Protein backbone atom coordinates (compact mmCIF):
# COMPACT_ATOMS: atom_id res chain seq x y z
CA UNK A 1 -0.84 2.66 32.33
CA UNK A 2 1.24 0.26 29.83
CA UNK A 3 3.88 2.54 28.12
CA UNK A 4 5.78 0.27 26.22
CA UNK A 5 5.37 2.42 23.30
CA UNK A 6 7.72 4.76 24.96
CA UNK A 7 10.87 2.09 24.32
CA UNK A 8 13.00 3.32 21.71
CA UNK A 9 13.23 -0.22 20.08
CA UNK A 10 9.72 -0.83 19.84
CA UNK A 11 8.99 2.59 18.37
CA UNK A 12 11.84 2.26 15.51
CA UNK A 13 10.42 -1.14 14.99
CA UNK A 14 7.34 0.32 14.25
CA UNK A 15 8.77 2.66 11.99
CA UNK A 16 10.87 -0.13 10.20
CA UNK A 17 7.76 -2.18 9.73
CA UNK A 18 5.81 0.83 8.19
CA UNK A 19 8.43 1.83 5.79
CA UNK A 20 8.98 -2.26 4.63
CA UNK A 21 5.05 -2.26 4.42
CA UNK A 22 4.71 0.99 2.11
CA UNK A 23 7.51 -0.30 0.09
CA UNK A 24 5.94 -3.75 -0.38
CA UNK A 25 2.80 -2.01 -1.36
CA UNK A 26 4.38 0.02 -4.02
CA UNK A 27 6.16 -2.58 -5.75
CA UNK A 28 2.87 -4.57 -5.72
CA UNK A 29 1.18 -1.77 -7.03
CA UNK A 30 3.71 -1.31 -10.02
CA UNK A 31 3.81 -4.64 -10.52
CA UNK A 32 -0.11 -4.86 -11.33
CA UNK A 33 0.50 -1.71 -13.07
CA UNK A 34 2.88 -3.31 -15.46
CA UNK A 35 0.30 -6.51 -15.83
CA UNK A 36 -2.65 -4.26 -16.76
CA UNK A 37 -3.23 -3.69 -20.78
CA UNK A 38 -3.25 0.19 -20.23
CA UNK A 39 -1.60 2.97 -17.86
CA UNK A 40 -3.64 3.15 -15.07
CA UNK A 41 -1.96 6.62 -13.69
CA UNK A 42 -2.94 8.14 -17.34
CA UNK A 43 -6.04 6.56 -17.67
CA UNK A 44 -7.49 7.64 -14.01
CA UNK A 45 -6.02 11.29 -14.06
CA UNK A 46 -6.05 12.31 -17.67
CA UNK A 47 -9.18 10.62 -19.19
CA UNK A 48 -11.08 10.52 -15.50
CA UNK A 49 -12.06 7.08 -15.46
CA UNK A 50 -13.86 6.73 -12.38
CA UNK A 51 -14.85 3.00 -12.75
CA UNK A 52 -11.17 2.09 -12.83
CA UNK A 53 -10.30 4.42 -9.88
CA UNK A 54 -12.81 2.61 -7.90
CA UNK A 55 -11.17 -0.83 -9.08
CA UNK A 56 -7.66 0.76 -8.33
CA UNK A 57 -8.56 1.62 -4.71
CA UNK A 58 -10.31 -1.67 -3.96
CA UNK A 59 -7.36 -3.19 -5.20
CA UNK A 60 -4.96 -1.00 -3.20
CA UNK A 61 -7.21 -1.73 0.14
CA UNK A 62 -6.72 -5.47 -0.58
CA UNK A 63 -2.84 -5.15 -0.99
CA UNK A 64 -2.63 -3.25 2.16
CA UNK A 65 -4.58 -5.39 4.40
CA UNK A 66 -2.41 -8.37 3.13
CA UNK A 67 0.88 -6.38 3.81
CA UNK A 68 -0.61 -5.61 7.20
CA UNK A 69 -1.74 -9.09 7.94
CA UNK A 70 1.75 -10.58 6.91
CA UNK A 71 3.63 -7.88 8.84
CA UNK A 72 1.82 -8.25 12.06
């Protein structure tokens, strides 16, 4: 049985990489929010625009995959 995950250095390294990934994801999301002509949050939450919500969800998945591949 491989128990390398118990190693504190590996555990804290994973936590740091996860935090870096989340920060990069949010920075990319804010950048794309600023680039688009409308306020994405208001359009999705207040106006209930489902099509835009699906586009933003696909964008979030794409950014997440890129960040995960870059960190890995």
